[in-house]
Amino acid sequence: MTKTMRKIFLGLAAVAAVASTPALAATATNSMPVSVNVINSCTVAATPMAFGAPAAIGGANIDTTSTISLVCTNGASYDVALDMGLNAASGQRYLSNGAATPVTIPYNVYRDAGRSTSWGSASGTDTNAGTAGTSGLVVLTAYGRIPMSATSVGAGAYTDTVTVTVTF
């Protein structure tokens, strides 16, 4: 190999060595805190409590049910209260025909299928309390009854609105 060729070869080798050397870059690191604050939460929904279309009121109990559904945080404690409704008087719930001189039908809502435990709004007394399980879904049944002692009324639509409140 000639001296000139050797210089060219060494020059090319030096260029190749410089080109193949990675460029160094500066780096810095830090940490990124990650967190979540899960709060107790519940939502509530209720199906209508419809007594249907009986031919007469009085003489026999008329029973029905409604489903109250909660979606709560896993493990959340809940307390479900029902107010007395829009037509209540003297501690009794009433369905009303809404007339200028209203005609009413007494009814009640219970926490049990035997309809012996009223459902009200006094926490720790007549509400429905519990703890949501791992799914967070809670399904409660409200048992309604128009008592057989109700006075017969004329045909028409009788309504009331009960507010369902969940405290969690």
Foldseek 3Di string as FASTA:
>chain_A
DDPVVVVVVVVVVVVVVVVPDDDDDDDDDDDDDDDDDDDKDKDKDKDDWDLPFDPKAAPAKGKTKMKMKMQIAAFDKKKKFKALWDPDDPPWRWWWQPDPPIDTFTKFKAQDPVRPQGGHHDPPHRIDIDTAHPRRMDMGMIMMIRHNHTDIDDDHDTHTDMDMDMDD
